[in-house]
Protein backbone atom coordinates (compact mmCIF):
# COMPACT_ATOMS: atom_id res chain seq x y z
CA MET A 1 0.00 0.04 0.00
CA ILE A 2 1.20 3.48 -0.88
CA TYR A 3 0.55 6.55 1.30
CA SER A 4 1.41 10.20 1.07
CA THR A 5 4.22 11.21 3.41
CA LYS A 6 1.96 13.99 4.72
CA ILE A 7 0.55 12.96 8.13
CA LEU A 8 -2.56 15.13 7.56
CA SER A 9 -3.31 13.30 4.32
CA GLN A 10 -2.91 9.94 6.00
CA THR A 11 -5.21 11.07 8.79
CA ILE A 12 -8.10 12.14 6.47
CA VAL A 13 -7.80 9.12 4.24
CA GLU A 14 -7.73 6.67 7.18
CA LEU A 15 -10.73 8.30 8.88
CA CYS A 16 -12.77 8.26 5.64
CA ARG A 17 -11.94 4.56 5.31
CA ILE A 18 -12.86 3.75 8.91
CA LYS A 19 -16.20 5.57 8.56
CA GLY A 20 -17.06 4.00 5.20
CA ILE A 21 -16.75 7.01 2.97
CA ASP A 22 -15.54 5.11 -0.08
CA HIS A 23 -16.55 7.27 -3.08
CA ILE A 24 -14.11 10.04 -3.92
CA VAL A 25 -14.54 12.67 -6.73
CA ILE A 26 -11.22 14.21 -7.55
CA SER A 27 -10.41 17.32 -9.59
CA PRO A 28 -6.84 17.61 -10.78
CA GLY A 29 -4.30 19.94 -9.07
CA SER A 30 -0.99 20.05 -7.37
CA ARG A 31 -1.68 21.28 -3.84
CA ASN A 32 -4.08 18.34 -3.40
CA ALA A 33 -1.43 15.84 -4.53
CA PRO A 34 -1.13 14.35 -1.01
CA LEU A 35 -4.86 13.60 -1.02
CA ILE A 36 -4.85 12.20 -4.52
CA VAL A 37 -1.92 9.87 -3.66
CA GLY A 38 -3.65 8.72 -0.53
CA PHE A 39 -7.14 8.00 -1.98
CA THR A 40 -6.11 6.53 -5.34
CA SER A 41 -3.56 4.20 -3.87
CA HIS A 42 -6.00 2.42 -1.63
CA ASP A 43 -8.21 -0.35 -2.96
CA PHE A 44 -11.01 0.57 -0.50
CA PHE A 45 -11.82 3.74 -2.42
CA THR A 46 -13.61 4.11 -5.74
CA CYS A 47 -12.17 7.29 -7.23
CA TYR A 48 -13.45 9.45 -10.09
CA SER A 49 -11.64 12.20 -12.02
CA ILE A 50 -13.73 15.16 -13.04
CA VAL A 51 -11.83 18.21 -14.29
CA ASP A 52 -14.52 20.96 -13.90
CA GLU A 53 -14.98 21.45 -10.12
CA ARG A 54 -18.56 22.69 -10.45
CA CYS A 55 -19.49 19.57 -12.43
CA ALA A 56 -17.51 17.39 -10.00
CA ALA A 57 -19.48 18.66 -7.06
CA PHE A 58 -22.87 18.10 -8.66
CA PHE A 59 -21.69 14.68 -9.94
CA ALA A 60 -20.86 13.79 -6.32
CA LEU A 61 -24.19 15.15 -5.18
CA GLY A 62 -25.99 12.86 -7.65
CA MET A 63 -24.01 9.83 -6.32
CA ALA A 64 -24.73 10.75 -2.75
CA GLN A 65 -28.44 11.17 -3.63
CA GLN A 66 -28.55 7.54 -4.74
CA LEU A 67 -26.12 6.07 -2.19
CA GLN A 68 -27.78 7.99 0.65
CA LYS A 69 -24.40 8.31 2.35
CA PRO A 70 -21.54 10.88 2.16
CA VAL A 71 -19.46 11.19 -1.05
CA ALA A 72 -16.13 13.09 -0.76
CA LEU A 73 -14.80 15.84 -3.01
CA VAL A 74 -11.10 16.61 -3.47
CA CYS A 75 -9.72 19.78 -5.06
CA THR A 76 -6.67 21.98 -5.17
CA SER A 77 -6.33 25.38 -3.52
CA GLY A 78 -7.61 28.81 -4.65
CA SER A 79 -10.64 29.41 -6.83
CA ALA A 80 -11.07 25.65 -7.52
CA ALA A 81 -12.88 25.39 -4.16
CA LEU A 82 -15.32 28.24 -5.02
CA ASN A 83 -16.65 26.25 -7.96
CA TYR A 84 -18.03 23.72 -5.43
CA TYR A 85 -20.27 26.31 -3.87
CA PRO A 86 -23.45 25.91 -6.08
CA ALA A 87 -23.60 22.17 -5.32
CA ILE A 88 -22.79 22.76 -1.68
CA ALA A 89 -25.71 25.12 -1.33
CA GLU A 90 -27.94 22.60 -3.11
CA ALA A 91 -26.74 19.82 -0.82
CA PHE A 92 -27.35 22.08 2.23
CA TYR A 93 -31.00 22.68 1.30
CA SER A 94 -31.62 19.22 -0.09
CA ASP A 95 -30.19 17.30 2.95
CA ILE A 96 -27.54 15.47 0.86
CA PRO A 97 -24.26 14.58 2.58
CA LEU A 98 -21.00 15.85 0.90
CA VAL A 99 -17.52 15.85 2.42
CA VAL A 100 -15.65 18.79 0.79
CA LEU A 101 -11.86 18.31 1.10
CA THR A 102 -10.05 21.47 -0.08
CA ALA A 103 -6.22 21.51 -0.21
CA ASP A 104 -4.77 24.78 0.95
CA ARG A 105 -1.48 26.49 1.42
CA PRO A 106 -0.13 26.89 5.02
CA SER A 107 -1.47 29.94 6.79
CA HIS A 108 1.79 31.97 6.50
CA LEU A 109 1.41 31.90 2.73
CA ILE A 110 -2.11 33.36 2.61
CA ASP A 111 -2.54 37.01 1.65
CA ILE A 112 1.15 37.55 0.83
CA GLY A 113 0.71 37.52 -2.94
CA ASP A 114 1.40 33.78 -3.45
CA GLY A 115 -0.31 32.22 -6.49
CA GLN A 116 -3.53 30.20 -6.27
CA THR A 117 -4.36 31.26 -2.81
CA ILE A 118 -7.52 32.67 -1.28
CA ARG A 119 -9.02 32.84 2.20
CA GLN A 120 -10.45 29.24 2.24
CA GLU A 121 -11.18 28.80 5.93
CA HIS A 122 -14.94 29.16 6.50
CA VAL A 123 -15.44 30.03 2.79
CA PHE A 124 -18.73 28.05 2.69
CA ALA A 125 -19.79 29.15 6.21
CA ASN A 126 -23.39 30.15 5.40
CA HIS A 127 -24.24 26.80 3.71
CA ILE A 128 -22.28 24.15 5.51
CA GLU A 129 -23.07 21.90 8.49
CA TYR A 130 -19.56 21.93 9.89
CA ASN A 131 -16.17 23.69 9.10
CA ALA A 132 -13.00 21.89 10.08
CA ASN A 133 -9.90 24.07 9.59
CA CYS A 134 -6.95 21.78 10.03
CA LYS A 135 -3.40 22.81 10.79
CA GLU A 136 -0.20 21.39 9.36
CA GLY A 137 2.38 19.86 11.76
CA GLU A 138 2.57 16.77 14.05
CA GLU A 139 1.97 18.99 17.08
CA PHE A 140 -1.63 19.52 15.79
CA GLN A 141 -2.40 15.88 15.30
CA GLU A 142 -4.86 15.52 18.18
CA TYR A 143 -6.62 18.75 17.15
CA ASN A 144 -6.83 17.57 13.48
CA GLU A 145 -8.12 14.12 14.39
CA THR A 146 -10.85 15.65 16.50
CA GLU A 147 -11.92 18.21 13.97
CA ILE A 148 -11.99 15.66 11.08
CA ASN A 149 -13.93 13.17 13.21
CA ILE A 150 -16.49 15.80 14.10
CA ALA A 151 -16.93 16.93 10.45
CA LEU A 152 -17.29 13.38 9.04
CA ASN A 153 -19.72 12.42 11.77
CA CYS A 154 -21.72 15.57 11.07
CA ALA A 155 -22.12 14.60 7.41
CA PHE A 156 -23.73 11.36 8.52
CA GLU A 157 -25.78 12.78 11.43
CA LYS A 158 -27.04 15.93 9.76
CA GLN A 159 -27.20 14.54 6.15
CA GLY A 160 -25.60 17.64 4.77
CA PRO A 161 -22.27 19.03 3.42
CA VAL A 162 -19.22 19.57 5.59
CA HIS A 163 -15.97 21.33 4.75
CA ILE A 164 -12.52 20.18 5.80
CA ASN A 165 -9.75 22.59 4.82
CA LEU A 166 -6.32 20.88 4.61
CA PRO A 167 -3.06 22.97 4.39
CA PHE A 168 -0.06 21.23 2.80
CA SER A 169 3.41 22.70 2.41
CA GLU A 170 5.78 21.60 -0.35
CA PRO A 171 7.10 19.10 -1.30
CA LEU A 172 3.68 17.63 -2.14
CA TYR A 173 4.37 14.33 -3.97
CA GLY A 174 6.28 12.36 -1.30
CA ARG A 175 5.12 8.73 -1.00
CA THR A 176 5.83 5.94 1.48
CA ASP A 177 4.65 2.40 2.15
CA VAL A 178 4.52 3.01 5.85
CA LEU A 179 1.37 4.29 7.59
CA SER A 180 2.74 6.66 10.21
CA ILE A 181 -0.36 7.17 12.28
CA GLN A 182 -3.44 5.32 13.54
CA PRO A 183 -6.04 8.03 13.98
CA LYS A 184 -8.63 7.49 16.73
CA GLU A 185 -12.26 7.29 15.56
CA ILE A 186 -14.92 9.21 17.40
CA ARG A 187 -18.09 7.34 16.67
CA THR A 188 -21.27 9.01 15.36
CA ASN A 189 -24.36 9.64 17.42
CA PRO A 190 -27.20 7.95 15.57
CA PHE A 191 -30.41 9.85 15.41
CA GLU A 192 -33.08 8.50 17.84
CA ASP A 193 -36.74 8.84 16.82
CA THR A 194 -38.59 10.02 19.81
CA ILE A 195 -41.87 11.80 20.48
CA GLU A 196 -43.37 12.29 23.95
CA ASP A 197 -46.62 10.54 24.73
CA LYS A 198 -48.06 13.82 26.13
CA LYS A 199 -47.21 15.61 22.85
CA LEU A 200 -48.83 12.78 20.82
CA GLN A 201 -52.02 12.98 22.92
CA THR A 202 -52.25 16.79 22.48
CA LEU A 203 -51.73 16.54 18.68
CA ALA A 204 -54.22 13.60 18.35
CA LYS A 205 -56.84 15.59 20.30
CA LYS A 206 -56.50 18.56 17.86
CA TRP A 207 -56.55 16.20 14.93
CA ASN A 208 -59.69 14.41 16.06
CA GLN A 209 -61.51 17.67 16.45
CA SER A 210 -60.64 19.01 13.00
CA LYS A 211 -62.82 18.26 9.90
CA LYS A 212 -60.30 19.58 7.39
CA LYS A 213 -56.67 18.37 7.29
CA ILE A 214 -54.14 18.78 4.48
CA ILE A 215 -50.94 16.76 4.36
CA LEU A 216 -48.49 18.34 1.93
CA ILE A 217 -45.52 16.14 0.88
CA GLY A 218 -42.40 17.81 -0.62
CA VAL A 219 -39.21 16.14 -1.85
CA LEU A 220 -38.81 12.60 -0.55
CA GLN A 221 -36.64 9.63 -1.29
CA PRO A 222 -38.64 6.77 -2.81
CA ASN A 223 -40.21 4.38 -0.29
CA SER A 224 -39.79 6.79 2.58
CA ILE A 225 -43.30 6.15 3.99
CA GLU A 226 -44.72 2.76 4.50
CA GLU A 227 -47.77 1.83 2.39
CA LYS A 228 -49.86 0.90 5.40
CA TYR A 229 -49.73 4.46 6.69
CA LEU A 230 -50.52 5.94 3.26
CA GLU A 231 -53.55 3.65 3.08
CA ILE A 232 -54.93 4.89 6.41
CA LEU A 233 -54.57 8.52 5.36
CA ALA A 234 -56.12 7.86 1.97
CA ASN A 235 -59.22 6.37 3.54
CA ASP A 236 -59.75 9.27 6.00
CA ASP A 237 -62.39 11.52 4.47
CA SER A 238 -61.20 14.43 6.64
CA VAL A 239 -57.73 14.34 4.99
CA ILE A 240 -56.46 15.62 1.67
CA VAL A 241 -52.95 14.46 0.69
CA PHE A 242 -51.18 16.76 -1.78
CA THR A 243 -48.15 15.28 -3.36
CA GLU A 244 -45.67 16.49 -6.02
CA THR A 245 -43.65 14.65 -8.68
CA THR A 246 -40.63 14.68 -6.40
CA SER A 247 -42.58 13.34 -3.45
CA ASN A 248 -42.37 9.73 -4.84
CA VAL A 249 -45.67 8.94 -3.09
CA HIS A 250 -48.70 7.58 -4.95
CA HIS A 251 -52.35 6.69 -4.25
CA THR A 252 -55.52 7.07 -6.21
CA HIS A 253 -57.05 9.14 -3.40
CA PHE A 254 -54.17 11.58 -3.26
CA PHE A 255 -53.85 14.83 -5.24
CA PRO A 256 -50.61 14.77 -7.30
CA SER A 257 -51.27 17.71 -9.70
CA ILE A 258 -51.67 20.53 -7.21
CA ASP A 259 -51.69 23.37 -9.78
CA GLN A 260 -54.24 21.55 -11.88
CA LEU A 261 -56.58 21.32 -8.91
CA ILE A 262 -56.30 24.73 -7.42
CA SER A 263 -55.82 26.99 -10.47
CA SER A 264 -58.87 29.19 -11.03
CA LEU A 265 -60.55 28.47 -7.74
CA THR A 266 -62.86 31.14 -6.41
CA SER A 267 -62.41 32.79 -3.06
CA GLU A 268 -65.23 30.73 -1.68
CA GLU A 269 -63.70 27.50 -2.96
CA PHE A 270 -60.32 28.46 -1.35
CA ARG A 271 -62.14 29.03 1.91
CA ASN A 272 -63.76 25.61 1.57
CA LEU A 273 -60.27 24.04 0.94
CA GLN A 274 -58.58 25.98 3.74
CA PRO A 275 -57.39 23.43 6.34
CA ASP A 276 -57.71 23.53 10.10
CA ILE A 277 -54.39 21.57 10.27
CA LEU A 278 -51.57 21.49 7.74
CA VAL A 279 -49.01 18.70 8.09
CA THR A 280 -45.87 18.93 5.94
CA LEU A 281 -43.33 16.21 5.24
CA GLY A 282 -40.23 16.11 3.15
CA GLY A 283 -38.25 18.89 1.56
CA MET A 284 -38.90 21.80 -0.81
CA ILE A 285 -42.29 22.39 -2.49
CA VAL A 286 -42.33 23.17 -6.20
CA SER A 287 -45.89 24.59 -6.61
CA LYS A 288 -46.09 28.37 -6.25
CA ARG A 289 -49.83 28.15 -6.19
CA ILE A 290 -49.99 25.98 -3.09
CA LYS A 291 -47.63 28.35 -1.35
CA ALA A 292 -49.71 31.33 -2.24
CA PHE A 293 -52.93 29.54 -1.18
CA LEU A 294 -51.65 28.47 2.24
CA ARG A 295 -50.13 31.89 2.92
CA ASN A 296 -53.35 33.64 2.02
CA TYR A 297 -55.65 31.07 3.66
CA SER A 298 -53.56 30.10 6.70
CA PRO A 299 -54.20 26.94 8.62
CA LYS A 300 -54.86 27.19 12.40
CA GLU A 301 -52.04 24.77 12.94
CA HIS A 302 -49.05 23.82 10.82
CA TRP A 303 -46.99 20.78 11.95
CA HIS A 304 -43.76 19.74 10.19
CA ILE A 305 -42.56 16.19 10.61
CA GLY A 306 -38.93 15.43 9.89
CA ARG A 307 -35.45 15.08 11.44
CA LYS A 308 -34.22 18.38 10.10
CA GLU A 309 -35.27 21.90 11.03
CA ALA A 310 -38.63 22.90 9.55
CA ASN A 311 -39.07 25.58 6.97
CA ASN A 312 -41.74 28.09 7.99
CA THR A 313 -42.84 28.31 4.30
CA PHE A 314 -46.37 29.36 5.08
CA PHE A 315 -45.74 31.68 8.03
CA ALA A 316 -47.97 29.50 10.23
CA LEU A 317 -45.61 26.89 11.74
CA THR A 318 -46.82 25.76 15.24
CA GLU A 319 -45.14 22.36 15.74
CA ARG A 320 -41.72 20.99 14.76
CA ILE A 321 -41.87 17.23 15.26
CA LYS A 322 -38.28 15.92 15.03
CA CYS A 323 -38.66 12.31 13.98
CA SER A 324 -39.06 10.29 10.71
CA PRO A 325 -42.55 10.29 9.10
CA ASN A 326 -42.82 6.45 9.67
CA HIS A 327 -42.08 6.78 13.42
CA PHE A 328 -44.59 9.58 13.71
CA PHE A 329 -47.36 7.74 11.87
CA GLU A 330 -46.61 4.52 13.76
CA SER A 331 -47.16 6.37 17.07
CA PHE A 332 -49.82 8.84 15.91
CA LEU A 333 -52.32 6.97 13.71
CA PRO A 334 -53.52 4.46 16.41
CA GLN A 335 -54.66 7.53 18.43
CA ILE A 336 -56.85 9.10 15.81
CA THR A 337 -60.54 8.57 15.17
CA ALA A 338 -62.67 9.03 12.09
CA VAL A 339 -64.31 12.42 11.63
CA GLN A 340 -67.63 12.71 9.74
CA THR A 341 -67.01 15.11 6.77
CA ASN A 342 -67.17 15.14 3.04
CA TYR A 343 -63.89 17.13 2.74
CA GLN A 344 -61.90 14.57 0.67
CA THR A 345 -64.89 13.29 -1.24
CA LEU A 346 -65.77 16.78 -2.47
CA TRP A 347 -62.24 17.58 -3.67
CA LEU A 348 -61.85 14.11 -5.28
CA SER A 349 -64.90 14.96 -7.41
CA ILE A 350 -63.33 18.32 -8.36
CA LYS A 351 -60.13 16.52 -9.16
CA ASP A 352 -61.89 14.07 -11.46
CA HIS A 353 -63.67 17.00 -13.15
CA LYS A 354 -60.41 18.75 -13.81
CA LEU A 355 -58.86 15.57 -15.13
CA GLN A 356 -61.71 15.12 -17.63
CA LYS A 357 -61.06 18.68 -18.93
CA HIS A 358 -57.34 17.91 -19.02
CA VAL A 359 -57.97 14.93 -21.39
CA ILE A 360 -60.17 17.09 -23.59
CA PHE A 361 -57.54 19.77 -23.76
CA GLU A 362 -54.81 17.30 -24.70
CA LYS A 363 -56.82 16.22 -27.76
CA LYS A 364 -57.03 19.68 -29.20
CA ALA A 365 -53.85 21.41 -28.13
CA PRO A 366 -51.39 22.40 -30.87
CA TYR A 367 -47.79 21.13 -31.00
CA SER A 368 -46.00 22.80 -28.11
CA ASP A 369 -44.02 22.16 -24.93
CA PHE A 370 -47.30 20.96 -23.31
CA LEU A 371 -47.83 18.02 -25.80
CA VAL A 372 -44.09 17.21 -25.94
CA TYR A 373 -43.87 16.83 -22.15
CA GLN A 374 -47.02 14.77 -22.18
CA ALA A 375 -45.49 12.41 -24.74
CA ILE A 376 -42.17 12.26 -22.82
CA PHE A 377 -43.73 11.32 -19.50
CA ASN A 378 -46.01 8.79 -21.11
CA SER A 379 -42.86 7.18 -22.66
CA ILE A 380 -40.74 6.76 -19.55
CA PRO A 381 -40.18 2.97 -19.02
CA LYS A 382 -41.30 1.53 -15.71
CA THR A 383 -38.74 1.36 -12.92
CA ASN A 384 -36.46 3.89 -14.64
CA ILE A 385 -34.86 6.70 -12.60
CA LEU A 386 -36.26 10.05 -13.80
CA GLN A 387 -33.99 13.10 -13.24
CA LEU A 388 -35.61 16.49 -13.95
CA ALA A 389 -33.89 19.80 -14.69
CA ASN A 390 -35.03 23.12 -13.40
CA SER A 391 -37.18 24.98 -14.18
CA THR A 392 -39.61 24.27 -17.06
CA ALA A 393 -39.21 20.48 -16.98
CA ILE A 394 -40.07 20.02 -13.27
CA ARG A 395 -43.10 22.42 -13.61
CA TYR A 396 -44.57 20.43 -16.56
CA ALA A 397 -43.95 17.21 -14.75
CA GLN A 398 -46.39 18.42 -12.08
CA LEU A 399 -49.21 18.39 -14.64
CA PHE A 400 -48.96 14.82 -15.89
CA SER A 401 -49.22 11.46 -14.19
CA LEU A 402 -46.16 9.24 -13.91
CA ASP A 403 -46.05 5.54 -13.36
CA ALA A 404 -45.87 4.77 -9.56
CA SER A 405 -42.71 2.67 -10.25
CA SER A 406 -40.75 5.75 -11.44
CA GLN A 407 -38.31 7.32 -8.99
CA VAL A 408 -38.17 11.02 -9.54
CA PHE A 409 -35.37 13.46 -8.49
CA CYS A 410 -34.63 17.10 -9.10
CA ASN A 411 -32.29 19.66 -7.51
CA ARG A 412 -35.01 21.63 -5.65
CA GLY A 413 -32.82 22.68 -2.78
CA THR A 414 -31.90 25.94 -4.52
CA SER A 415 -33.86 25.25 -7.73
CA GLY A 416 -30.89 26.25 -9.91
CA ILE A 417 -30.24 25.19 -13.49
CA ASP A 418 -26.54 25.13 -13.03
CA GLY A 419 -25.75 21.44 -12.23
CA SER A 420 -28.78 19.41 -13.31
CA THR A 421 -26.98 17.40 -15.93
CA SER A 422 -24.00 16.65 -13.68
CA THR A 423 -26.30 15.52 -10.89
CA ALA A 424 -28.22 13.21 -13.26
CA ILE A 425 -24.98 11.64 -14.50
CA GLY A 426 -23.68 11.14 -10.95
CA ALA A 427 -27.02 9.48 -10.04
CA ALA A 428 -26.90 7.31 -13.10
CA VAL A 429 -23.42 6.01 -12.29
CA LYS A 430 -24.69 4.68 -8.87
CA SER A 431 -28.28 3.74 -9.81
CA ASN A 432 -29.28 0.14 -10.26
CA ASN A 433 -31.74 1.16 -12.91
CA PRO A 434 -31.41 3.10 -16.22
CA THR A 435 -31.64 6.87 -15.87
CA VAL A 436 -33.60 9.30 -17.99
CA PHE A 437 -32.79 12.97 -17.75
CA VAL A 438 -35.33 15.47 -19.00
CA THR A 439 -33.99 19.03 -19.44
CA GLY A 440 -34.46 22.34 -21.21
CA ASP A 441 -32.01 24.03 -23.52
CA LEU A 442 -30.63 26.68 -21.15
CA SER A 443 -30.08 24.26 -18.33
CA PHE A 444 -28.42 21.73 -20.72
CA PHE A 445 -26.02 24.26 -22.36
CA TYR A 446 -25.18 25.83 -19.04
CA ASP A 447 -23.90 22.53 -17.73
CA SER A 448 -22.53 21.06 -20.91
CA ASN A 449 -19.22 20.28 -19.29
CA ALA A 450 -21.12 17.61 -17.40
CA LEU A 451 -20.64 15.37 -20.49
CA TRP A 452 -16.83 15.72 -20.05
CA ASN A 453 -17.01 12.56 -18.02
CA ASN A 454 -15.64 9.09 -18.47
CA TYR A 455 -18.19 7.30 -16.36
CA ILE A 456 -21.52 7.84 -18.17
CA PRO A 457 -23.26 4.48 -18.53
CA ASN A 458 -24.61 3.56 -22.00
CA THR A 459 -28.13 3.24 -20.49
CA PHE A 460 -28.09 6.99 -19.72
CA ARG A 461 -30.64 8.99 -21.76
CA ILE A 462 -31.12 12.73 -22.12
CA ILE A 463 -34.29 14.33 -23.55
CA LEU A 464 -33.58 17.91 -24.37
CA VAL A 465 -36.58 20.10 -25.05
CA ASN A 466 -35.18 23.05 -27.03
CA ASN A 467 -37.43 26.04 -27.24
CA ARG A 468 -34.47 28.22 -28.08
CA GLY A 469 -34.44 30.24 -24.85
CA GLY A 470 -35.70 30.54 -21.35
CA GLY A 471 -39.30 29.57 -22.05
CA ILE A 472 -40.21 29.82 -18.30
CA PHE A 473 -39.82 33.62 -18.49
CA ARG A 474 -42.69 33.78 -21.07
CA ILE A 475 -45.04 32.18 -18.49
CA LEU A 476 -44.20 34.61 -15.68
CA PRO A 477 -46.72 37.48 -15.30
CA HIS A 478 -45.67 40.67 -17.09
CA ALA A 479 -42.18 39.43 -17.96
CA LYS A 480 -42.73 39.80 -21.67
CA GLU A 481 -43.67 43.45 -21.22
CA VAL A 482 -40.12 44.29 -20.09
CA ALA A 483 -37.92 46.08 -22.63
CA HIS A 484 -35.29 43.79 -24.29
CA PHE A 485 -37.18 40.72 -23.00
CA GLU A 486 -35.72 38.38 -25.65
CA ASN A 487 -32.15 39.33 -25.07
CA TYR A 488 -31.93 39.59 -21.30
CA PHE A 489 -34.67 37.27 -19.99
CA GLU A 490 -35.56 34.70 -22.62
CA THR A 491 -32.03 34.81 -24.07
CA ARG A 492 -32.89 33.61 -27.55
CA HIS A 493 -30.32 31.44 -29.26
CA THR A 494 -29.85 29.08 -32.25
CA LEU A 495 -27.68 26.48 -30.54
CA THR A 496 -28.26 22.77 -30.85
CA ALA A 497 -26.75 19.74 -29.11
CA LYS A 498 -25.55 17.99 -32.25
CA HIS A 499 -21.86 18.89 -32.12
CA ILE A 500 -21.71 18.49 -28.29
CA CYS A 501 -23.03 14.94 -28.71
CA LYS A 502 -20.52 14.18 -31.45
CA MET A 503 -17.67 15.49 -29.26
CA PHE A 504 -18.71 13.48 -26.16
CA GLY A 505 -19.80 10.27 -27.93
CA PHE A 506 -23.61 10.45 -27.54
CA GLU A 507 -25.99 9.11 -30.12
CA TYR A 508 -28.02 12.01 -31.34
CA ALA A 509 -31.54 12.29 -32.76
CA THR A 510 -33.96 15.11 -33.28
CA ALA A 511 -37.72 15.71 -33.51
CA ASN A 512 -39.79 18.80 -34.35
CA SER A 513 -43.39 17.48 -34.53
CA LEU A 514 -45.64 15.36 -32.28
CA ASP A 515 -45.44 12.48 -34.77
CA SER A 516 -41.65 12.61 -34.93
CA VAL A 517 -41.43 12.87 -31.12
CA LYS A 518 -43.48 9.71 -30.70
CA SER A 519 -41.58 7.96 -33.48
CA GLN A 520 -38.18 8.79 -31.89
CA LEU A 521 -39.32 7.80 -28.46
CA GLU A 522 -40.35 4.32 -29.63
CA ASP A 523 -36.76 2.93 -29.68
CA PHE A 524 -35.05 5.69 -27.63
CA TYR A 525 -34.76 3.55 -24.54
CA THR A 526 -33.47 0.34 -26.19
CA LEU A 527 -29.95 -0.88 -25.49
CA SER A 528 -27.10 0.84 -27.29
CA GLU A 529 -23.29 0.99 -27.21
CA ASN A 530 -23.37 4.70 -26.21
CA PRO A 531 -25.64 7.00 -24.19
CA LYS A 532 -28.30 8.80 -26.24
CA LEU A 533 -29.67 12.30 -26.52
CA LEU A 534 -32.97 13.21 -28.18
CA GLU A 535 -33.28 16.94 -28.98
CA ILE A 536 -36.93 18.07 -29.41
CA PHE A 537 -37.51 21.48 -30.92
CA THR A 538 -40.68 23.34 -29.91
CA PRO A 539 -42.10 26.72 -31.02
CA SER A 540 -41.16 29.30 -28.42
CA ASP A 541 -43.86 31.84 -29.44
CA VAL A 542 -46.62 29.24 -28.82
CA ASN A 543 -45.56 27.44 -25.63
CA ASP A 544 -46.68 30.02 -23.12
CA ILE A 545 -49.97 30.73 -24.85
CA VAL A 546 -50.86 26.99 -24.84
CA LEU A 547 -50.05 26.69 -21.21
CA LYS A 548 -52.23 29.69 -20.28
CA GLU A 549 -55.05 28.32 -22.39
CA TYR A 550 -54.69 25.00 -20.52
CA PHE A 551 -55.29 26.60 -17.11
CA LYS A 552 -58.32 28.42 -18.55
CA ALA A 553 -59.64 25.20 -20.08
CA ILE A 554 -59.58 23.23 -16.80
CA SER A 555 -61.12 25.93 -14.65
């Protein structure tokens, strides 16, 4: 076995090994040479080389999303680390564990005019679960071991990103076959699901006295809630369960297309829908309409269930219940009683009425993003992983039904377009099932370096809906009225993915009509020697009009 001669490198490598952090994404550099030597020379670690640090960080995020355990990032000193920040922010708000290992120069070389140096300590402070600023020198070994242990444990315990800054002096490439240290492991403190009986009784009493309850489920990993609990909620007529595409929760009595249901409701209808109790689970909510509704028609009580801190999204939060949804329902549901009401039945009938109008609209709508996304989501093979880009793709996904076997993911922590492709590729590398990534043109071209990657499986598929600009801006109220809209908001362009696909070895196909879309999708998912990309061109001047007509048609 080969090790770096740097004791600090040996310490971090050994503690990652002991704690089971075995996936390492490395970007090239010199200052991080001791880390590269340590990780790549050990059979325990699976290492990946990604040149672009921004892509590397989102690639690691996608892997951690699927592995549901920390993935480590390694970069050199200076601005390299700053390129990690978008993915770190996403991981912070999406509860995804990343271990960010940034090589640095020793402190006496900072701010003296030395090359490739910045102030790296605490550089991610606002969006990180723990900062460990190590020091070089054997006299700091106990301090470094403690800091590294705390940081790595924090990644597991808080399910978020941690930063470990590691200063190395030259020479950097020294190697040895002798492990000089045996760092002590500080064990993690596993989260314990607990909820006091008195608290349960108080909540159950309020629940049993309320005739209108809404459960709103945000981003969740697939299979996060046991089916038996979902069945109980689905058969309670005083409960409406709103889900989103990224909730990965399905039942015929649930309400998956929130915008479809609540668009064009009257004030009286909103008052009828207004809940006494709102219960939220999971992460971020996509629907702007549900946010506006619950802010304008506040519930008397808002309970959030989850191990992390709750977001007071609706300015009505009254209870933070720090336990897993399954533990809460296991303890809570035996204490509830049926309430006589027609709350769910009424809204299920409204849902069915809207769905009927949805089907009628589909039959008469012109070729546009609307029909293209309908065709795409109808085509996704069962059990495939579906990765969605921000922002048009995820919003259209909210309007169409997906097979319950599909597992859906999207970077909704910060809702940025910057790393969607890299995340999807990282997820595809560690997923057991084929991955389909649906994206828009701005998101795709923004992150085109994601394809500069030697690990993309041949089962990976990209569907690129190219409306030649930021189509989402056409939908936003009054955006088109702004001067220079096309240049500075929509950002019109004539780019295609053809030459990018050729450069990175993707099979490339195009479609520009509904018939050609359906034809291309017929064999798009079949096995191939290389990954595939289908670029679908849609009319930018029509898409927003069709979508607005849709919401009028289902009112």
